[in-house]
């Protein structure tokens, strides 16, 4: 994202099957929350769980991001399966 919101404490770029994502972490209550944005379809999501660390918040956001990726982007690809890996 070109404009960084000062509330984000960490940002990571992730690519899966040619689709690019950004995972962002922010302070929330007494911990951290993770969010993601899909550059392929402009969808966004945020975890509702508060994490103790930025790393945990990132992992939780990535689980949500992966679910989006499987349901939206892989479901239309031929030869792709939704199995865990």
C-alpha atoms as a PDB file:
ATOM      1  CA  UNK A   1       0.000   0.000   0.000  1.00  0.00           C
ATOM      2  CA  UNK A   2       1.389   3.342  -0.955  1.00  0.00           C
ATOM      3  CA  UNK A   3       0.059   5.295   2.041  1.00  0.00           C
ATOM      4  CA  UNK A   4       1.026   3.787   5.350  1.00  0.00           C
ATOM      5  CA  UNK A   5      -1.396   4.265   8.177  1.00  0.00           C
ATOM      6  CA  UNK A   6       0.606   5.184  11.313  1.00  0.00           C
ATOM      7  CA  UNK A   7      -1.399   2.730  13.413  1.00  0.00           C
ATOM      8  CA  UNK A   8       0.260  -0.245  11.654  1.00  0.00           C
ATOM      9  CA  UNK A   9       3.335  -1.483  13.534  1.00  0.00           C
ATOM     10  CA  UNK A  10       4.417  -4.076  10.970  1.00  0.00           C
ATOM     11  CA  UNK A  11       3.792  -4.901   7.311  1.00  0.00           C
ATOM     12  CA  UNK A  12       4.679  -8.006   5.279  1.00  0.00           C
ATOM     13  CA  UNK A  13       4.318  -8.831   1.595  1.00  0.00           C
ATOM     14  CA  UNK A  14       3.177 -12.377   0.740  1.00  0.00           C
ATOM     15  CA  UNK A  15       2.616 -14.046  -2.622  1.00  0.00           C
ATOM     16  CA  UNK A  16       0.678 -17.285  -3.232  1.00  0.00           C
ATOM     17  CA  UNK A  17       0.113 -18.773  -6.675  1.00  0.00           C
ATOM     18  CA  UNK A  18       0.884 -15.431  -8.278  1.00  0.00           C
ATOM     19  CA  UNK A  19      -1.546 -13.455  -6.083  1.00  0.00           C
ATOM     20  CA  UNK A  20       0.035 -10.741  -3.910  1.00  0.00           C
ATOM     21  CA  UNK A  21      -1.082  -9.883  -0.392  1.00  0.00           C
ATOM     22  CA  UNK A  22      -0.116  -7.506   2.376  1.00  0.00           C
ATOM     23  CA  UNK A  23      -0.367  -8.544   6.024  1.00  0.00           C
ATOM     24  CA  UNK A  24      -0.398  -5.688   8.541  1.00  0.00           C
ATOM     25  CA  UNK A  25      -0.225  -5.664  12.322  1.00  0.00           C
ATOM     26  CA  UNK A  26      -1.559  -3.002  14.686  1.00  0.00           C
ATOM     27  CA  UNK A  27      -1.763  -2.464  18.429  1.00  0.00           C
ATOM     28  CA  UNK A  28      -5.181  -3.407  19.788  1.00  0.00           C
ATOM     29  CA  UNK A  29      -6.256  -3.244  23.429  1.00  0.00           C
ATOM     30  CA  UNK A  30      -3.469  -4.973  25.368  1.00  0.00           C
ATOM     31  CA  UNK A  31      -2.010  -6.836  22.374  1.00  0.00           C
ATOM     32  CA  UNK A  32      -1.927  -6.939  18.580  1.00  0.00           C
ATOM     33  CA  UNK A  33      -4.379  -7.592  15.750  1.00  0.00           C
ATOM     34  CA  UNK A  34      -3.604  -8.696  12.208  1.00  0.00           C
ATOM     35  CA  UNK A  35      -5.197  -7.665   8.929  1.00  0.00           C
ATOM     36  CA  UNK A  36      -4.629  -8.522   5.280  1.00  0.00           C
ATOM     37  CA  UNK A  37      -5.365  -7.086   1.861  1.00  0.00           C
ATOM     38  CA  UNK A  38      -5.525  -9.017  -1.418  1.00  0.00           C
ATOM     39  CA  UNK A  39      -4.095  -7.142  -4.392  1.00  0.00           C
ATOM     40  CA  UNK A  40      -5.698  -9.656  -6.754  1.00  0.00           C
ATOM     41  CA  UNK A  41      -9.324  -8.807  -5.941  1.00  0.00           C
ATOM     42  CA  UNK A  42      -8.948  -5.963  -3.395  1.00  0.00           C
ATOM     43  CA  UNK A  43     -10.607  -7.993  -0.618  1.00  0.00           C
ATOM     44  CA  UNK A  44      -9.615  -7.240   2.976  1.00  0.00           C
ATOM     45  CA  UNK A  45      -9.893  -9.067   6.253  1.00  0.00           C
ATOM     46  CA  UNK A  46      -8.944  -8.673   9.886  1.00  0.00           C
ATOM     47  CA  UNK A  47      -8.676 -11.202  12.685  1.00  0.00           C
ATOM     48  CA  UNK A  48     -10.983 -10.676  15.624  1.00  0.00           C
ATOM     49  CA  UNK A  49      -8.626 -12.395  18.073  1.00  0.00           C
ATOM     50  CA  UNK A  50      -6.179 -10.254  20.026  1.00  0.00           C
ATOM     51  CA  UNK A  51      -2.679 -11.718  20.019  1.00  0.00           C
ATOM     52  CA  UNK A  52       0.092 -11.386  22.584  1.00  0.00           C
ATOM     53  CA  UNK A  53       2.801 -10.730  19.970  1.00  0.00           C
ATOM     54  CA  UNK A  54       3.116  -9.253  16.491  1.00  0.00           C
ATOM     55  CA  UNK A  55       4.271 -12.662  15.224  1.00  0.00           C
ATOM     56  CA  UNK A  56       1.152 -14.384  16.564  1.00  0.00           C
ATOM     57  CA  UNK A  57      -1.068 -11.683  15.053  1.00  0.00           C
ATOM     58  CA  UNK A  58       0.661 -12.164  11.699  1.00  0.00           C
ATOM     59  CA  UNK A  59       0.169 -15.941  11.827  1.00  0.00           C
ATOM     60  CA  UNK A  60      -3.528 -15.536  12.622  1.00  0.00           C
ATOM     61  CA  UNK A  61      -4.012 -13.025   9.806  1.00  0.00           C
ATOM     62  CA  UNK A  62      -2.249 -15.401   7.416  1.00  0.00           C
ATOM     63  CA  UNK A  63      -4.649 -18.229   8.332  1.00  0.00           C
ATOM     64  CA  UNK A  64      -7.570 -15.968   7.388  1.00  0.00           C
ATOM     65  CA  UNK A  65      -5.754 -14.855   4.239  1.00  0.00           C
ATOM     66  CA  UNK A  66      -5.099 -18.485   3.249  1.00  0.00           C
ATOM     67  CA  UNK A  67      -8.797 -19.329   3.620  1.00  0.00           C
ATOM     68  CA  UNK A  68      -9.638 -16.392   1.327  1.00  0.00           C
ATOM     69  CA  UNK A  69      -7.004 -17.530  -1.169  1.00  0.00           C
ATOM     70  CA  UNK A  70      -8.289 -21.110  -1.304  1.00  0.00           C
ATOM     71  CA  UNK A  71     -11.951 -20.119  -1.570  1.00  0.00           C
ATOM     72  CA  UNK A  72     -11.603 -17.236  -4.030  1.00  0.00           C
ATOM     73  CA  UNK A  73      -8.444 -17.705  -6.054  1.00  0.00           C
ATOM     74  CA  UNK A  74      -7.715 -21.435  -6.110  1.00  0.00           C
ATOM     75  CA  UNK A  75     -11.333 -22.483  -6.601  1.00  0.00           C
ATOM     76  CA  UNK A  76     -11.174 -21.096 -10.135  1.00  0.00           C
ATOM     77  CA  UNK A  77      -7.733 -22.525 -11.008  1.00  0.00           C
ATOM     78  CA  UNK A  78      -7.543 -25.845 -12.817  1.00  0.00           C
ATOM     79  CA  UNK A  79      -5.333 -28.491 -11.312  1.00  0.00           C
ATOM     80  CA  UNK A  80      -5.263 -26.928  -7.865  1.00  0.00           C
ATOM     81  CA  UNK A  81      -6.559 -28.730  -4.838  1.00  0.00           C
ATOM     82  CA  UNK A  82      -7.577 -27.264  -1.517  1.00  0.00           C
ATOM     83  CA  UNK A  83      -5.521 -29.727   0.544  1.00  0.00           C
ATOM     84  CA  UNK A  84      -3.383 -28.582   3.450  1.00  0.00           C
ATOM     85  CA  UNK A  85       0.266 -28.203   2.757  1.00  0.00           C
END
